[in-house]
Amino acid sequence: MGRGLGNGTLVPHPDFEPVAVRGIEAALACGGDGRWTIDYRVEGVEALVTPEAAPPRRTDELWKRTCFELFVKPDEGEDYYEFNFAPSGEWAAYRFTGYRAAMAELPLAPPAIEWWGGEMRVTIDLSGLPDGDWCVGLTAVIEEADGKRSFWALAHPPGKPDFHHEAGFAFEAPAAARG
């Protein structure tokens, strides 16, 4: 899988507690060639609602259903990047010039998304992102059988769920560890 960058436990936002999902673990690794592997594991999948399998394609608004996300913010500047991955195989990639500012589609080769009923592996080429040290956020939106959604992240800012807030970029990915 490459060089391990770390493991993390995602926690639910306190205002949106899950019903049956008990936890989400995530692991990051980098192959040194710009290709990253992200593994997500959900505990309590019996109540998990996932979109039906679809051809891999770029799709907006994946956060309205079960999806897993990666946020990357280079240390230099205000730009950051958001990547969404659905168990269906659909995905999205965006660039922002500042906090929720000037969202634009990010040109990207389609990531490889594998889903095994509660476990997801995503392989994505991030070699086109800026060099240097990065801060990373790992998140998930989970829909359960009763229609309730919970919002999971490495860290949450005060107030409503906000994966774009700097508090969520809780994991450091130094350039030296990626290359």
C-alpha atoms as a PDB file:
ATOM      1  CA  MET A   1       0.000   0.000   0.000  1.00  0.00           C
ATOM      2  CA  GLY A   2       2.942   2.353   0.396  1.00  0.00           C
ATOM      3  CA  ARG A   3       4.151   4.564   3.188  1.00  0.00           C
ATOM      4  CA  GLY A   4       1.654   4.787   6.046  1.00  0.00           C
ATOM      5  CA  LEU A   5       0.770   8.335   6.980  1.00  0.00           C
ATOM      6  CA  GLY A   6      -1.440   7.425   9.909  1.00  0.00           C
ATOM      7  CA  ASN A   7      -4.679   6.084  11.290  1.00  0.00           C
ATOM      8  CA  GLY A   8      -7.551   7.991  12.800  1.00  0.00           C
ATOM      9  CA  THR A   9     -10.860   7.547  14.524  1.00  0.00           C
ATOM     10  CA  LEU A  10     -13.702   9.655  13.190  1.00  0.00           C
ATOM     11  CA  VAL A  11     -16.167  10.894  15.798  1.00  0.00           C
ATOM     12  CA  PRO A  12     -19.817  11.819  15.244  1.00  0.00           C
ATOM     13  CA  HIS A  13     -20.918  15.420  15.553  1.00  0.00           C
ATOM     14  CA  PRO A  14     -22.568  15.722  18.998  1.00  0.00           C
ATOM     15  CA  ASP A  15     -25.782  17.236  17.569  1.00  0.00           C
ATOM     16  CA  PHE A  16     -26.239  14.373  15.072  1.00  0.00           C
ATOM     17  CA  GLU A  17     -25.625  11.171  17.014  1.00  0.00           C
ATOM     18  CA  PRO A  18     -25.896   7.959  14.960  1.00  0.00           C
ATOM     19  CA  VAL A  19     -28.504   5.329  15.741  1.00  0.00           C
ATOM     20  CA  ALA A  20     -26.700   2.048  15.032  1.00  0.00           C
ATOM     21  CA  VAL A  21     -23.337   2.992  13.510  1.00  0.00           C
ATOM     22  CA  ARG A  22     -20.831   2.673  16.353  1.00  0.00           C
ATOM     23  CA  GLY A  23     -17.622   3.967  14.832  1.00  0.00           C
ATOM     24  CA  ILE A  24     -15.536   4.790  11.786  1.00  0.00           C
ATOM     25  CA  GLU A  25     -11.802   4.168  11.467  1.00  0.00           C
ATOM     26  CA  ALA A  26      -9.668   5.577   8.680  1.00  0.00           C
ATOM     27  CA  ALA A  27      -6.109   4.958   7.502  1.00  0.00           C
ATOM     28  CA  LEU A  28      -3.974   6.929   5.029  1.00  0.00           C
ATOM     29  CA  ALA A  29      -1.006   5.724   3.008  1.00  0.00           C
ATOM     30  CA  CYS A  30       1.002   7.258   0.179  1.00  0.00           C
ATOM     31  CA  GLY A  31       2.846   5.286  -2.462  1.00  0.00           C
ATOM     32  CA  GLY A  32       5.461   8.003  -3.001  1.00  0.00           C
ATOM     33  CA  ASP A  33       4.270   8.595  -6.573  1.00  0.00           C
ATOM     34  CA  GLY A  34       1.398  10.869  -5.574  1.00  0.00           C
ATOM     35  CA  ARG A  35      -1.084   8.010  -5.329  1.00  0.00           C
ATOM     36  CA  TRP A  36      -2.840   7.829  -1.964  1.00  0.00           C
ATOM     37  CA  THR A  37      -4.807   4.988  -0.460  1.00  0.00           C
ATOM     38  CA  ILE A  38      -7.504   5.763   2.083  1.00  0.00           C
ATOM     39  CA  ASP A  39      -9.231   2.956   3.962  1.00  0.00           C
ATOM     40  CA  TYR A  40     -12.470   3.554   5.858  1.00  0.00           C
ATOM     41  CA  ARG A  41     -14.085   0.939   8.121  1.00  0.00           C
ATOM     42  CA  VAL A  42     -17.600   1.396   9.534  1.00  0.00           C
ATOM     43  CA  GLU A  43     -18.740  -0.470  12.646  1.00  0.00           C
ATOM     44  CA  GLY A  44     -22.491  -1.093  12.806  1.00  0.00           C
ATOM     45  CA  VAL A  45     -23.196  -1.409   9.099  1.00  0.00           C
ATOM     46  CA  GLU A  46     -26.453  -3.325   9.516  1.00  0.00           C
ATOM     47  CA  ALA A  47     -28.377  -0.019   9.532  1.00  0.00           C
ATOM     48  CA  LEU A  48     -26.216   1.725   6.918  1.00  0.00           C
ATOM     49  CA  VAL A  49     -27.944   2.983   3.776  1.00  0.00           C
ATOM     50  CA  THR A  50     -25.657   3.114   0.754  1.00  0.00           C
ATOM     51  CA  PRO A  51     -26.413   4.263  -2.770  1.00  0.00           C
ATOM     52  CA  GLU A  52     -26.745   1.524  -5.379  1.00  0.00           C
ATOM     53  CA  ALA A  53     -23.671   0.635  -7.405  1.00  0.00           C
ATOM     54  CA  ALA A  54     -23.195   2.960 -10.350  1.00  0.00           C
ATOM     55  CA  PRO A  55     -20.563   3.406 -13.034  1.00  0.00           C
ATOM     56  CA  PRO A  56     -17.626   5.425 -11.690  1.00  0.00           C
ATOM     57  CA  ARG A  57     -18.451   9.021 -12.545  1.00  0.00           C
ATOM     58  CA  ARG A  58     -18.115  12.531 -11.200  1.00  0.00           C
ATOM     59  CA  THR A  59     -21.301  13.426  -9.308  1.00  0.00           C
ATOM     60  CA  ASP A  60     -22.212  16.484  -7.241  1.00  0.00           C
ATOM     61  CA  GLU A  61     -24.003  16.535  -3.873  1.00  0.00           C
ATOM     62  CA  LEU A  62     -22.777  13.130  -2.727  1.00  0.00           C
ATOM     63  CA  TRP A  63     -22.921  14.446   0.870  1.00  0.00           C
ATOM     64  CA  LYS A  64     -26.719  14.092   0.796  1.00  0.00           C
ATOM     65  CA  ARG A  65     -26.252  10.305   1.159  1.00  0.00           C
ATOM     66  CA  THR A  66     -23.626   8.027   2.643  1.00  0.00           C
ATOM     67  CA  CYS A  67     -20.238   9.209   1.430  1.00  0.00           C
ATOM     68  CA  PHE A  68     -16.663   9.462   2.641  1.00  0.00           C
ATOM     69  CA  GLU A  69     -14.500  12.523   2.199  1.00  0.00           C
ATOM     70  CA  LEU A  70     -10.933  13.750   2.148  1.00  0.00           C
ATOM     71  CA  PHE A  71      -9.930  17.391   2.585  1.00  0.00           C
ATOM     72  CA  VAL A  72      -6.388  18.578   1.808  1.00  0.00           C
ATOM     73  CA  LYS A  73      -5.019  22.025   2.667  1.00  0.00           C
ATOM     74  CA  PRO A  74      -1.457  22.889   1.678  1.00  0.00           C
ATOM     75  CA  ASP A  75       0.370  24.935   4.336  1.00  0.00           C
ATOM     76  CA  GLU A  76       1.043  27.725   1.832  1.00  0.00           C
ATOM     77  CA  GLY A  77      -1.923  29.935   0.931  1.00  0.00           C
ATOM     78  CA  GLU A  78      -5.642  29.623   1.532  1.00  0.00           C
ATOM     79  CA  ASP A  79      -6.478  27.063  -1.195  1.00  0.00           C
ATOM     80  CA  TYR A  80      -7.791  23.667  -0.198  1.00  0.00           C
ATOM     81  CA  TYR A  81      -9.278  20.625  -1.903  1.00  0.00           C
ATOM     82  CA  GLU A  82     -12.303  18.430  -1.218  1.00  0.00           C
ATOM     83  CA  PHE A  83     -12.752  14.856  -2.474  1.00  0.00           C
ATOM     84  CA  ASN A  84     -15.993  12.880  -2.061  1.00  0.00           C
ATOM     85  CA  PHE A  85     -16.278   9.102  -2.493  1.00  0.00           C
ATOM     86  CA  ALA A  86     -19.553   7.173  -2.485  1.00  0.00           C
ATOM     87  CA  PRO A  87     -19.905   3.413  -1.991  1.00  0.00           C
ATOM     88  CA  SER A  88     -21.712   3.465  -5.351  1.00  0.00           C
ATOM     89  CA  GLY A  89     -18.426   4.327  -7.118  1.00  0.00           C
ATOM     90  CA  GLU A  90     -19.424   7.939  -7.747  1.00  0.00           C
ATOM     91  CA  TRP A  91     -16.968  10.666  -6.769  1.00  0.00           C
ATOM     92  CA  ALA A  92     -16.312  14.409  -6.816  1.00  0.00           C
ATOM     93  CA  ALA A  93     -13.264  16.691  -6.534  1.00  0.00           C
ATOM     94  CA  TYR A  94     -13.259  20.439  -5.887  1.00  0.00           C
ATOM     95  CA  ARG A  95     -10.810  23.287  -5.343  1.00  0.00           C
ATOM     96  CA  PHE A  96     -11.531  26.241  -3.072  1.00  0.00           C
ATOM     97  CA  THR A  97      -9.534  29.492  -2.940  1.00  0.00           C
ATOM     98  CA  GLY A  98     -10.424  30.101   0.719  1.00  0.00           C
ATOM     99  CA  TYR A  99     -13.014  29.039   3.281  1.00  0.00           C
ATOM    100  CA  ARG A 100     -15.927  27.860   1.071  1.00  0.00           C
ATOM    101  CA  ALA A 101     -14.802  30.404  -1.563  1.00  0.00           C
ATOM    102  CA  ALA A 102     -14.806  30.037  -5.355  1.00  0.00           C
ATOM    103  CA  MET A 103     -15.602  26.305  -5.478  1.00  0.00           C
ATOM    104  CA  ALA A 104     -14.552  24.820  -8.819  1.00  0.00           C
ATOM    105  CA  GLU A 105     -14.295  21.296 -10.174  1.00  0.00           C
ATOM    106  CA  LEU A 106     -10.780  19.952  -9.859  1.00  0.00           C
ATOM    107  CA  PRO A 107      -9.547  18.076 -12.957  1.00  0.00           C
ATOM    108  CA  LEU A 108      -8.663  14.606 -11.723  1.00  0.00           C
ATOM    109  CA  ALA A 109      -8.349  11.065 -12.999  1.00  0.00           C
ATOM    110  CA  PRO A 110     -11.197   8.981 -11.562  1.00  0.00           C
ATOM    111  CA  PRO A 111     -10.247   7.401  -8.236  1.00  0.00           C
ATOM    112  CA  ALA A 112     -10.555   3.645  -7.737  1.00  0.00           C
ATOM    113  CA  ILE A 113     -13.307   3.016  -5.176  1.00  0.00           C
ATOM    114  CA  GLU A 114     -13.845  -0.443  -3.697  1.00  0.00           C
ATOM    115  CA  TRP A 115     -16.725  -1.113  -1.280  1.00  0.00           C
ATOM    116  CA  TRP A 116     -17.135  -4.282   0.764  1.00  0.00           C
ATOM    117  CA  GLY A 117     -20.257  -3.657   2.852  1.00  0.00           C
ATOM    118  CA  GLY A 118     -18.778  -1.490   5.577  1.00  0.00           C
ATOM    119  CA  GLU A 119     -15.230  -1.157   4.311  1.00  0.00           C
ATOM    120  CA  MET A 120     -14.071   1.171   1.570  1.00  0.00           C
ATOM    121  CA  ARG A 121     -10.702   1.560  -0.090  1.00  0.00           C
ATOM    122  CA  VAL A 122     -10.050   4.580  -2.265  1.00  0.00           C
ATOM    123  CA  THR A 123      -6.944   4.967  -4.403  1.00  0.00           C
ATOM    124  CA  ILE A 124      -6.495   8.462  -5.769  1.00  0.00           C
ATOM    125  CA  ASP A 125      -3.733  10.317  -7.607  1.00  0.00           C
ATOM    126  CA  LEU A 126      -2.991  13.581  -5.786  1.00  0.00           C
ATOM    127  CA  SER A 127       0.290  14.281  -7.616  1.00  0.00           C
ATOM    128  CA  GLY A 128      -1.276  17.373  -9.212  1.00  0.00           C
ATOM    129  CA  LEU A 129      -1.707  19.123  -5.857  1.00  0.00           C
ATOM    130  CA  PRO A 130       0.878  21.638  -4.627  1.00  0.00           C
ATOM    131  CA  ASP A 131       4.098  20.385  -3.041  1.00  0.00           C
ATOM    132  CA  GLY A 132       4.928  21.071   0.581  1.00  0.00           C
ATOM    133  CA  ASP A 133       3.352  20.127   3.876  1.00  0.00           C
ATOM    134  CA  TRP A 134      -0.399  19.535   4.050  1.00  0.00           C
ATOM    135  CA  CYS A 135      -3.100  19.399   6.682  1.00  0.00           C
ATOM    136  CA  VAL A 136      -5.725  16.736   6.026  1.00  0.00           C
ATOM    137  CA  GLY A 137      -9.293  16.174   7.130  1.00  0.00           C
ATOM    138  CA  LEU A 138     -11.062  12.817   6.931  1.00  0.00           C
ATOM    139  CA  THR A 139     -14.850  12.872   7.171  1.00  0.00           C
ATOM    140  CA  ALA A 140     -17.989  10.881   6.456  1.00  0.00           C
ATOM    141  CA  VAL A 141     -21.693  11.474   6.100  1.00  0.00           C
ATOM    142  CA  ILE A 142     -23.590   8.380   7.173  1.00  0.00           C
ATOM    143  CA  GLU A 143     -27.231   7.700   6.333  1.00  0.00           C
ATOM    144  CA  GLU A 144     -28.982   5.034   8.384  1.00  0.00           C
ATOM    145  CA  ALA A 145     -32.102   2.980   7.627  1.00  0.00           C
ATOM    146  CA  ASP A 146     -34.410   5.403   9.448  1.00  0.00           C
ATOM    147  CA  GLY A 147     -33.209   8.257   7.200  1.00  0.00           C
ATOM    148  CA  LYS A 148     -31.155   9.850   9.958  1.00  0.00           C
ATOM    149  CA  ARG A 149     -27.775  11.246   8.937  1.00  0.00           C
ATOM    150  CA  SER A 150     -24.718  11.596  11.139  1.00  0.00           C
ATOM    151  CA  PHE A 151     -21.608  13.624  10.387  1.00  0.00           C
ATOM    152  CA  TRP A 152     -18.209  12.163  11.284  1.00  0.00           C
ATOM    153  CA  ALA A 153     -14.774  13.815  11.343  1.00  0.00           C
ATOM    154  CA  LEU A 154     -11.382  13.610  13.021  1.00  0.00           C
ATOM    155  CA  ALA A 155     -12.388  16.824  14.840  1.00  0.00           C
ATOM    156  CA  HIS A 156     -15.423  19.125  14.798  1.00  0.00           C
ATOM    157  CA  PRO A 157     -15.532  22.891  15.319  1.00  0.00           C
ATOM    158  CA  PRO A 158     -18.155  24.315  17.711  1.00  0.00           C
ATOM    159  CA  GLY A 159     -21.613  24.759  16.210  1.00  0.00           C
ATOM    160  CA  LYS A 160     -23.174  22.987  13.266  1.00  0.00           C
ATOM    161  CA  PRO A 161     -21.281  20.331  11.265  1.00  0.00           C
ATOM    162  CA  ASP A 162     -18.741  22.058   9.029  1.00  0.00           C
ATOM    163  CA  PHE A 163     -16.148  19.866   7.328  1.00  0.00           C
ATOM    164  CA  HIS A 164     -14.625  22.939   5.646  1.00  0.00           C
ATOM    165  CA  HIS A 165     -13.681  24.576   8.965  1.00  0.00           C
ATOM    166  CA  GLU A 166      -9.939  24.614   9.740  1.00  0.00           C
ATOM    167  CA  ALA A 167     -10.543  22.606  12.949  1.00  0.00           C
ATOM    168  CA  GLY A 168     -11.344  19.584  10.762  1.00  0.00           C
ATOM    169  CA  PHE A 169      -7.923  19.614   9.085  1.00  0.00           C
ATOM    170  CA  ALA A 170      -6.617  17.712  12.082  1.00  0.00           C
ATOM    171  CA  PHE A 171      -4.031  15.407  10.508  1.00  0.00           C
ATOM    172  CA  GLU A 172      -0.598  16.497   9.285  1.00  0.00           C
ATOM    173  CA  ALA A 173       0.846  15.034   6.076  1.00  0.00           C
ATOM    174  CA  PRO A 174       4.383  16.428   5.750  1.00  0.00           C
ATOM    175  CA  ALA A 175       5.943  16.417   2.289  1.00  0.00           C
ATOM    176  CA  ALA A 176       8.806  14.259   3.564  1.00  0.00           C
ATOM    177  CA  ALA A 177       6.368  11.519   4.615  1.00  0.00           C
ATOM    178  CA  ARG A 178       4.597  11.532   1.242  1.00  0.00           C
ATOM    179  CA  GLY A 179       7.604  11.398  -1.080  1.00  0.00           C
END
